[in-house]
Amino acid sequence: MRIIASLAGFEPQIGHRADSLELVQDHIVAGMGVGLLPTDQPTAAGVRLCSLDDPAVYLRARAVSRRGHSSWPPLALALDLLRADLNPGR
């Protein structure tokens, strides 16, 4: 959010951080600010999506695990699902 705001010429005042997209939308609807949301999921009533085309915005994620543990079946499945979601069509 800070980088995108700086590219638009201002510095945002960040008063709250949320790790839940539902909570982000609740804050937006309550008039408490703006947030970055995926465009391929439903939004709450009162939330308006605006496209960020310039510059393009990409999601980056990193998974960290103990050496040798990524072959553990539950973790391997989670990593495969993350890779598929972050790289559609690959």
Protein backbone atom coordinates (compact mmCIF):
# COMPACT_ATOMS: atom_id res chain seq x y z
CA MET A 1 0.00 0.00 0.00
CA ARG A 2 2.82 2.41 0.86
CA ILE A 3 4.57 1.84 -2.49
CA ILE A 4 1.39 2.29 -4.50
CA ALA A 5 0.53 5.45 -2.57
CA SER A 6 4.03 6.85 -3.05
CA LEU A 7 3.73 6.31 -6.80
CA ALA A 8 0.56 8.40 -6.67
CA GLY A 9 2.43 11.16 -4.81
CA PHE A 10 1.30 10.77 -1.20
CA GLU A 11 2.13 8.84 1.96
CA PRO A 12 -0.79 6.98 3.52
CA GLN A 13 -1.54 7.06 7.22
CA ILE A 14 -1.78 3.41 8.16
CA GLY A 15 -3.66 3.00 11.41
CA HIS A 16 -4.62 -0.64 11.17
CA ARG A 17 -3.42 -3.78 9.41
CA ALA A 18 -5.62 -6.81 8.78
CA ASP A 19 -4.86 -10.31 7.61
CA SER A 20 -8.50 -11.06 6.78
CA LEU A 21 -10.05 -9.84 3.53
CA GLU A 22 -13.46 -9.77 5.23
CA LEU A 23 -12.08 -7.46 7.92
CA VAL A 24 -10.51 -5.21 5.28
CA GLN A 25 -13.89 -4.94 3.54
CA ASP A 26 -15.65 -4.24 6.87
CA HIS A 27 -13.25 -1.32 7.46
CA ILE A 28 -13.84 0.00 3.94
CA VAL A 29 -17.64 -0.14 4.36
CA ALA A 30 -17.32 1.62 7.74
CA GLY A 31 -15.47 4.48 6.02
CA MET A 32 -12.19 3.74 7.78
CA GLY A 33 -10.03 3.74 4.67
CA VAL A 34 -9.06 1.77 1.58
CA GLY A 35 -7.49 -1.61 0.97
CA LEU A 36 -6.01 -3.88 -1.66
CA LEU A 37 -8.38 -6.71 -2.58
CA PRO A 38 -8.32 -9.45 -5.22
CA THR A 39 -10.63 -8.75 -8.15
CA ASP A 40 -11.68 -12.38 -8.65
CA GLN A 41 -13.63 -12.68 -5.39
CA PRO A 42 -17.01 -11.27 -4.33
CA THR A 43 -17.01 -7.97 -2.47
CA ALA A 44 -19.27 -6.73 0.30
CA ALA A 45 -22.08 -4.29 -0.40
CA GLY A 46 -20.60 -0.81 -0.25
CA VAL A 47 -17.16 -1.81 -1.55
CA ARG A 48 -16.18 -0.45 -4.97
CA LEU A 49 -13.23 -1.95 -6.82
CA CYS A 50 -10.93 0.33 -8.78
CA SER A 51 -8.43 -1.12 -11.21
CA LEU A 52 -4.73 -0.48 -10.56
CA ASP A 53 -3.28 -0.48 -14.05
CA ASP A 54 -0.32 1.86 -13.82
CA PRO A 55 1.83 0.43 -12.42
CA ALA A 56 0.54 -3.13 -12.58
CA VAL A 57 0.21 -4.76 -9.15
CA TYR A 58 1.37 -8.34 -8.59
CA LEU A 59 0.99 -10.56 -5.56
CA ARG A 60 4.22 -12.01 -4.23
CA ALA A 61 4.29 -14.70 -1.59
CA ARG A 62 6.99 -16.74 0.07
CA ALA A 63 6.63 -19.97 1.98
CA VAL A 64 9.20 -20.83 4.60
CA SER A 65 9.65 -24.31 6.04
CA ARG A 66 12.34 -26.31 7.73
CA ARG A 67 14.89 -27.91 5.43
CA GLY A 68 13.59 -31.25 4.16
CA HIS A 69 10.03 -30.74 5.41
CA SER A 70 8.52 -29.53 2.13
CA SER A 71 8.04 -33.14 1.03
CA TRP A 72 5.71 -33.84 3.99
CA PRO A 73 2.39 -34.55 2.22
CA PRO A 74 0.19 -31.89 3.92
CA LEU A 75 2.83 -29.19 3.42
CA ALA A 76 3.58 -30.33 -0.14
CA LEU A 77 -0.13 -30.06 -0.96
CA ALA A 78 -0.35 -26.56 0.52
CA LEU A 79 2.72 -25.44 -1.43
CA ASP A 80 1.35 -26.92 -4.66
CA LEU A 81 -1.97 -25.11 -4.14
CA LEU A 82 -0.18 -21.82 -3.48
CA ARG A 83 1.94 -22.23 -6.61
CA ALA A 84 -1.14 -23.03 -8.72
CA ASP A 85 -3.06 -20.04 -7.32
CA LEU A 86 -0.18 -17.61 -7.81
CA ASN A 87 0.70 -18.92 -11.28
CA PRO A 88 -2.58 -19.66 -13.05
CA GLY A 89 -2.09 -21.44 -16.34
CA ARG A 90 1.29 -22.87 -15.38
